[in-house]
Amino acid sequence: STDLIRFLAGMCEKDEPLEDNSIVSKAGVTPNEYCLKAEHLLLAWKTCTSKADAAVSDEVYQLLVSILPNLSNDLALPLIHEIQNSLKGGADKKDHLFEVAEFCSTLASSNPMDIDAGANAG
């Protein structure tokens, strides 16, 4: 669900400060094992570009658009870059213009009040 994904994205900000120097992330905190990672979002996008099931892809587009305002730059930018790379053929060298257009259409048709509320929810 969207609420679960938003929760997991928020967990990235709940990391514990390090007591020793064993593992250091960019922020100087212990990585949270329950944190949403960019790889998860990239797998969601790959689901959209697989062309396996249009109904599933539509749900994933909706999910990605609904959580995008709540994502940190560390999560949102890799997703946006992957969507952009899909226009160039992506890693699989296939044209994903249709999928990018569907994502952009979903983004454009999303309720602006939902986006504003999501951006202010953090």
N, C-alpha and C. Protein backbone atom coordinates (compact mmCIF):
# COMPACT_ATOMS: atom_id res chain seq x y z
N SER A 1 0.83 -1.18 0.00
CA SER A 1 0.00 0.00 0.00
C SER A 1 0.88 1.26 0.00
N THR A 2 0.29 2.34 -0.38
CA THR A 2 1.01 3.61 -0.44
C THR A 2 1.49 4.04 0.94
N ASP A 3 0.66 3.84 1.94
CA ASP A 3 1.05 4.24 3.30
C ASP A 3 2.27 3.45 3.79
N LEU A 4 2.33 2.17 3.46
CA LEU A 4 3.47 1.36 3.85
C LEU A 4 4.75 1.86 3.16
N ILE A 5 4.67 2.15 1.89
CA ILE A 5 5.84 2.65 1.15
C ILE A 5 6.29 3.99 1.72
N ARG A 6 5.34 4.85 2.02
CA ARG A 6 5.70 6.15 2.64
C ARG A 6 6.37 5.94 4.00
N PHE A 7 5.85 4.99 4.76
CA PHE A 7 6.44 4.68 6.06
C PHE A 7 7.88 4.20 5.88
N LEU A 8 8.10 3.29 4.97
CA LEU A 8 9.45 2.76 4.74
C LEU A 8 10.40 3.85 4.23
N ALA A 9 9.89 4.76 3.41
CA ALA A 9 10.71 5.87 2.95
C ALA A 9 11.10 6.76 4.13
N GLY A 10 10.18 6.96 5.07
CA GLY A 10 10.46 7.76 6.25
C GLY A 10 11.42 7.10 7.22
N MET A 11 11.52 5.78 7.16
CA MET A 11 12.43 5.06 8.06
C MET A 11 13.89 5.40 7.78
N CYS A 12 14.19 5.88 6.59
CA CYS A 12 15.57 6.25 6.26
C CYS A 12 16.05 7.40 7.15
N GLU A 13 15.13 8.17 7.65
CA GLU A 13 15.48 9.30 8.51
C GLU A 13 15.49 8.92 9.99
N LYS A 14 15.25 7.66 10.28
CA LYS A 14 15.16 7.19 11.67
C LYS A 14 16.37 6.37 12.08
N ASP A 15 17.46 6.50 11.35
CA ASP A 15 18.66 5.72 11.64
C ASP A 15 19.23 6.11 13.00
N GLU A 16 19.94 5.18 13.62
CA GLU A 16 20.55 5.39 14.92
C GLU A 16 21.98 5.93 14.75
N PRO A 17 22.39 6.88 15.59
CA PRO A 17 23.78 7.38 15.52
C PRO A 17 24.77 6.27 15.83
N LEU A 18 25.91 6.34 15.19
CA LEU A 18 26.94 5.33 15.41
C LEU A 18 27.61 5.50 16.76
N GLU A 19 27.88 4.38 17.43
CA GLU A 19 28.65 4.41 18.67
C GLU A 19 30.10 4.06 18.41
N ASP A 20 30.33 3.35 17.32
CA ASP A 20 31.70 3.07 16.90
C ASP A 20 31.80 3.40 15.40
N ASN A 21 32.93 3.21 14.82
CA ASN A 21 33.12 3.56 13.43
C ASN A 21 33.08 2.34 12.51
N SER A 22 32.32 1.32 12.87
CA SER A 22 32.31 0.09 12.09
C SER A 22 31.69 0.27 10.70
N ILE A 23 30.53 0.84 10.63
CA ILE A 23 29.86 1.09 9.35
C ILE A 23 29.41 2.54 9.35
N VAL A 24 29.85 3.29 8.37
CA VAL A 24 29.49 4.70 8.31
C VAL A 24 28.79 4.98 6.98
N SER A 25 27.60 5.52 7.06
CA SER A 25 26.91 5.96 5.86
C SER A 25 27.25 7.42 5.62
N LYS A 26 26.71 7.98 4.54
CA LYS A 26 26.97 9.38 4.23
C LYS A 26 26.57 10.31 5.37
N ALA A 27 25.50 9.95 6.07
CA ALA A 27 25.01 10.81 7.14
C ALA A 27 25.68 10.50 8.48
N GLY A 28 26.58 9.50 8.52
CA GLY A 28 27.26 9.15 9.76
C GLY A 28 26.38 8.39 10.72
N VAL A 29 25.43 7.61 10.19
CA VAL A 29 24.53 6.84 11.03
C VAL A 29 24.54 5.38 10.57
N THR A 30 24.06 4.51 11.43
CA THR A 30 23.94 3.10 11.09
C THR A 30 22.80 2.93 10.08
N PRO A 31 23.05 2.24 8.99
CA PRO A 31 21.97 2.04 8.01
C PRO A 31 20.80 1.30 8.64
N ASN A 32 19.60 1.72 8.31
CA ASN A 32 18.38 1.13 8.83
C ASN A 32 17.95 0.00 7.91
N GLU A 33 17.83 -1.20 8.44
CA GLU A 33 17.49 -2.34 7.61
C GLU A 33 16.06 -2.30 7.09
N TYR A 34 15.21 -1.45 7.64
CA TYR A 34 13.82 -1.37 7.21
C TYR A 34 13.57 -0.18 6.29
N CYS A 35 14.61 0.43 5.83
CA CYS A 35 14.51 1.62 5.00
C CYS A 35 14.24 1.25 3.55
N LEU A 36 13.36 2.01 2.92
CA LEU A 36 13.14 1.87 1.49
C LEU A 36 14.42 2.28 0.77
N LYS A 37 14.81 1.51 -0.21
CA LYS A 37 16.04 1.79 -0.94
C LYS A 37 15.73 2.11 -2.40
N ALA A 38 16.63 2.83 -3.04
CA ALA A 38 16.45 3.20 -4.44
C ALA A 38 16.26 1.95 -5.30
N GLU A 39 16.93 0.86 -4.94
CA GLU A 39 16.82 -0.37 -5.72
C GLU A 39 15.37 -0.89 -5.74
N HIS A 40 14.65 -0.68 -4.66
CA HIS A 40 13.25 -1.11 -4.60
C HIS A 40 12.42 -0.33 -5.62
N LEU A 41 12.66 0.97 -5.69
CA LEU A 41 11.92 1.80 -6.64
C LEU A 41 12.30 1.46 -8.08
N LEU A 42 13.58 1.15 -8.30
CA LEU A 42 14.02 0.78 -9.64
C LEU A 42 13.39 -0.54 -10.08
N LEU A 43 13.20 -1.47 -9.14
CA LEU A 43 12.50 -2.71 -9.46
C LEU A 43 11.03 -2.44 -9.80
N ALA A 44 10.43 -1.50 -9.10
CA ALA A 44 9.05 -1.12 -9.42
C ALA A 44 8.98 -0.57 -10.84
N TRP A 45 9.93 0.29 -11.21
CA TRP A 45 9.94 0.85 -12.56
C TRP A 45 10.17 -0.27 -13.58
N LYS A 46 11.05 -1.22 -13.26
CA LYS A 46 11.31 -2.34 -14.17
C LYS A 46 10.03 -3.15 -14.40
N THR A 47 9.20 -3.24 -13.37
CA THR A 47 7.91 -3.91 -13.51
C THR A 47 7.07 -3.21 -14.57
N CYS A 48 7.11 -1.89 -14.56
CA CYS A 48 6.35 -1.12 -15.55
C CYS A 48 6.87 -1.34 -16.96
N THR A 49 8.18 -1.42 -17.11
CA THR A 49 8.76 -1.55 -18.45
C THR A 49 8.78 -2.99 -18.95
N SER A 50 8.41 -3.95 -18.12
CA SER A 50 8.44 -5.35 -18.55
C SER A 50 7.31 -5.69 -19.50
N LYS A 51 6.29 -4.85 -19.55
CA LYS A 51 5.13 -5.05 -20.43
C LYS A 51 4.39 -6.36 -20.13
N ALA A 52 4.56 -6.89 -18.94
CA ALA A 52 3.94 -8.17 -18.60
C ALA A 52 2.43 -8.04 -18.38
N ASP A 53 2.01 -7.00 -17.67
CA ASP A 53 0.60 -6.87 -17.31
C ASP A 53 0.26 -5.39 -17.20
N ALA A 54 -0.60 -4.91 -18.08
CA ALA A 54 -0.95 -3.48 -18.10
C ALA A 54 -1.63 -3.03 -16.81
N ALA A 55 -2.45 -3.88 -16.22
CA ALA A 55 -3.14 -3.51 -14.98
C ALA A 55 -2.15 -3.34 -13.84
N VAL A 56 -1.16 -4.23 -13.76
CA VAL A 56 -0.14 -4.13 -12.72
C VAL A 56 0.69 -2.86 -12.93
N SER A 57 1.07 -2.62 -14.19
CA SER A 57 1.85 -1.42 -14.50
C SER A 57 1.10 -0.17 -14.10
N ASP A 58 -0.20 -0.13 -14.36
CA ASP A 58 -1.01 1.04 -14.00
C ASP A 58 -1.00 1.27 -12.50
N GLU A 59 -1.11 0.19 -11.72
CA GLU A 59 -1.06 0.32 -10.26
C GLU A 59 0.30 0.81 -9.79
N VAL A 60 1.37 0.33 -10.43
CA VAL A 60 2.71 0.76 -10.05
C VAL A 60 2.93 2.22 -10.41
N TYR A 61 2.42 2.66 -11.58
CA TYR A 61 2.50 4.08 -11.93
C TYR A 61 1.84 4.91 -10.85
N GLN A 62 0.63 4.51 -10.45
CA GLN A 62 -0.12 5.23 -9.42
C GLN A 62 0.67 5.28 -8.11
N LEU A 63 1.26 4.16 -7.73
CA LEU A 63 2.03 4.09 -6.49
C LEU A 63 3.24 5.02 -6.56
N LEU A 64 4.00 4.95 -7.63
CA LEU A 64 5.19 5.78 -7.76
C LEU A 64 4.84 7.27 -7.74
N VAL A 65 3.79 7.63 -8.45
CA VAL A 65 3.37 9.04 -8.47
C VAL A 65 2.92 9.48 -7.09
N SER A 66 2.20 8.62 -6.37
CA SER A 66 1.67 9.02 -5.06
C SER A 66 2.77 9.18 -4.01
N ILE A 67 3.86 8.42 -4.13
CA ILE A 67 4.91 8.52 -3.12
C ILE A 67 6.02 9.49 -3.52
N LEU A 68 6.08 9.87 -4.78
CA LEU A 68 7.17 10.72 -5.26
C LEU A 68 7.37 11.99 -4.42
N PRO A 69 6.31 12.70 -4.03
CA PRO A 69 6.52 13.91 -3.22
C PRO A 69 7.10 13.64 -1.83
N ASN A 70 6.98 12.41 -1.34
CA ASN A 70 7.47 12.06 -0.01
C ASN A 70 8.88 11.50 -0.01
N LEU A 71 9.45 11.28 -1.17
CA LEU A 71 10.76 10.66 -1.26
C LEU A 71 11.87 11.67 -1.06
N SER A 72 12.93 11.21 -0.40
CA SER A 72 14.12 12.05 -0.28
C SER A 72 14.79 12.10 -1.65
N ASN A 73 15.71 13.04 -1.82
CA ASN A 73 16.44 13.13 -3.08
C ASN A 73 17.21 11.85 -3.36
N ASP A 74 17.72 11.20 -2.31
CA ASP A 74 18.47 9.96 -2.48
C ASP A 74 17.60 8.85 -3.08
N LEU A 75 16.30 8.93 -2.89
CA LEU A 75 15.40 7.93 -3.46
C LEU A 75 14.78 8.41 -4.77
N ALA A 76 14.38 9.66 -4.83
CA ALA A 76 13.67 10.17 -6.01
C ALA A 76 14.58 10.32 -7.22
N LEU A 77 15.79 10.82 -7.03
CA LEU A 77 16.66 11.08 -8.17
C LEU A 77 17.05 9.83 -8.95
N PRO A 78 17.43 8.73 -8.29
CA PRO A 78 17.72 7.53 -9.09
C PRO A 78 16.50 7.04 -9.89
N LEU A 79 15.31 7.17 -9.30
CA LEU A 79 14.10 6.77 -10.01
C LEU A 79 13.89 7.66 -11.24
N ILE A 80 13.99 8.97 -11.06
CA ILE A 80 13.80 9.90 -12.17
C ILE A 80 14.86 9.66 -13.25
N HIS A 81 16.10 9.42 -12.83
CA HIS A 81 17.17 9.14 -13.80
C HIS A 81 16.88 7.86 -14.59
N GLU A 82 16.38 6.84 -13.90
CA GLU A 82 16.06 5.58 -14.59
C GLU A 82 14.92 5.77 -15.57
N ILE A 83 13.91 6.55 -15.19
CA ILE A 83 12.81 6.84 -16.10
C ILE A 83 13.35 7.60 -17.32
N GLN A 84 14.22 8.57 -17.08
CA GLN A 84 14.83 9.32 -18.18
C GLN A 84 15.66 8.39 -19.07
N ASN A 85 16.44 7.50 -18.47
CA ASN A 85 17.25 6.55 -19.24
C ASN A 85 16.38 5.62 -20.07
N SER A 86 15.16 5.36 -19.62
CA SER A 86 14.25 4.51 -20.37
C SER A 86 13.92 5.11 -21.73
N LEU A 87 13.99 6.41 -21.83
CA LEU A 87 13.75 7.07 -23.12
C LEU A 87 14.89 6.81 -24.10
N LYS A 88 16.07 6.53 -23.55
CA LYS A 88 17.26 6.29 -24.37
C LYS A 88 17.47 4.80 -24.64
N GLY A 89 16.55 3.99 -24.21
CA GLY A 89 16.69 2.55 -24.39
C GLY A 89 17.00 1.81 -23.11
N GLY A 90 17.46 2.52 -22.09
CA GLY A 90 17.72 1.89 -20.79
C GLY A 90 18.74 0.78 -20.85
N ALA A 91 18.85 0.05 -19.77
CA ALA A 91 19.82 -1.04 -19.67
C ALA A 91 19.48 -2.18 -20.62
N ASP A 92 18.20 -2.36 -20.91
CA ASP A 92 17.81 -3.47 -21.78
C ASP A 92 17.77 -3.08 -23.26
N LYS A 93 18.15 -1.86 -23.57
CA LYS A 93 18.24 -1.35 -24.95
C LYS A 93 16.93 -1.42 -25.72
N LYS A 94 15.81 -1.36 -25.01
CA LYS A 94 14.50 -1.35 -25.64
C LYS A 94 13.90 0.04 -25.49
N ASP A 95 13.02 0.39 -26.41
CA ASP A 95 12.35 1.68 -26.36
C ASP A 95 11.18 1.61 -25.39
N HIS A 96 11.20 2.48 -24.38
CA HIS A 96 10.13 2.50 -23.38
C HIS A 96 9.38 3.83 -23.40
N LEU A 97 9.27 4.41 -24.58
CA LEU A 97 8.56 5.69 -24.72
C LEU A 97 7.13 5.57 -24.19
N PHE A 98 6.44 4.48 -24.50
CA PHE A 98 5.06 4.30 -24.05
C PHE A 98 4.98 4.31 -22.52
N GLU A 99 5.88 3.57 -21.86
CA GLU A 99 5.85 3.48 -20.40
C GLU A 99 6.17 4.83 -19.75
N VAL A 100 7.14 5.54 -20.32
CA VAL A 100 7.46 6.87 -19.79
C VAL A 100 6.27 7.80 -19.99
N ALA A 101 5.61 7.72 -21.14
CA ALA A 101 4.43 8.54 -21.40
C ALA A 101 3.30 8.21 -20.43
N GLU A 102 3.12 6.93 -20.13
CA GLU A 102 2.09 6.52 -19.17
C GLU A 102 2.40 7.06 -17.77
N PHE A 103 3.66 6.97 -17.38
CA PHE A 103 4.05 7.50 -16.07
C PHE A 103 3.81 9.01 -16.03
N CYS A 104 4.24 9.72 -17.07
CA CYS A 104 4.06 11.18 -17.10
C CYS A 104 2.58 11.55 -17.13
N SER A 105 1.77 10.76 -17.83
CA SER A 105 0.33 10.99 -17.86
C SER A 105 -0.27 10.82 -16.47
N THR A 106 0.15 9.78 -15.77
CA THR A 106 -0.32 9.54 -14.41
C THR A 106 0.11 10.69 -13.50
N LEU A 107 1.35 11.13 -13.67
CA LEU A 107 1.86 12.25 -12.87
C LEU A 107 1.08 13.52 -13.16
N ALA A 108 0.81 13.78 -14.43
CA ALA A 108 0.09 15.00 -14.81
C ALA A 108 -1.36 14.98 -14.36
N SER A 109 -1.96 13.80 -14.31
CA SER A 109 -3.37 13.72 -13.94
C SER A 109 -3.58 13.53 -12.44
N SER A 110 -2.47 13.45 -11.69
CA SER A 110 -2.63 13.29 -10.24
C SER A 110 -3.20 14.57 -9.65
N ASN A 111 -3.87 14.40 -8.55
CA ASN A 111 -4.53 15.52 -7.89
C ASN A 111 -3.46 16.43 -7.26
N PRO A 112 -3.37 17.71 -7.69
CA PRO A 112 -2.36 18.60 -7.11
C PRO A 112 -2.48 18.74 -5.59
N MET A 113 -3.67 18.60 -5.05
CA MET A 113 -3.85 18.69 -3.59
C MET A 113 -3.17 17.52 -2.91
N ASP A 114 -3.20 16.33 -3.54
CA ASP A 114 -2.52 15.16 -2.99
C ASP A 114 -1.02 15.38 -2.95
N ILE A 115 -0.49 15.98 -4.01
CA ILE A 115 0.95 16.24 -4.07
C ILE A 115 1.35 17.26 -3.01
N ASP A 116 0.57 18.35 -2.88
CA ASP A 116 0.86 19.36 -1.86
C ASP A 116 0.79 18.75 -0.46
N ALA A 117 -0.22 17.94 -0.21
CA ALA A 117 -0.38 17.32 1.10
C ALA A 117 0.77 16.36 1.37
N GLY A 118 1.21 15.62 0.34
CA GLY A 118 2.32 14.69 0.51
C GLY A 118 3.61 15.41 0.81
N ALA A 119 3.84 16.53 0.14
CA ALA A 119 5.07 17.29 0.36
C ALA A 119 5.10 17.91 1.74
N ASN A 120 3.95 18.20 2.30
CA ASN A 120 3.89 18.83 3.62
C ASN A 120 3.73 17.81 4.74
N ALA A 121 3.59 16.52 4.39
CA ALA A 121 3.35 15.51 5.41
C ALA A 121 4.61 15.13 6.17
N GLY A 122 5.79 15.39 5.61
CA GLY A 122 7.02 14.95 6.24
C GLY A 122 7.41 15.83 7.30
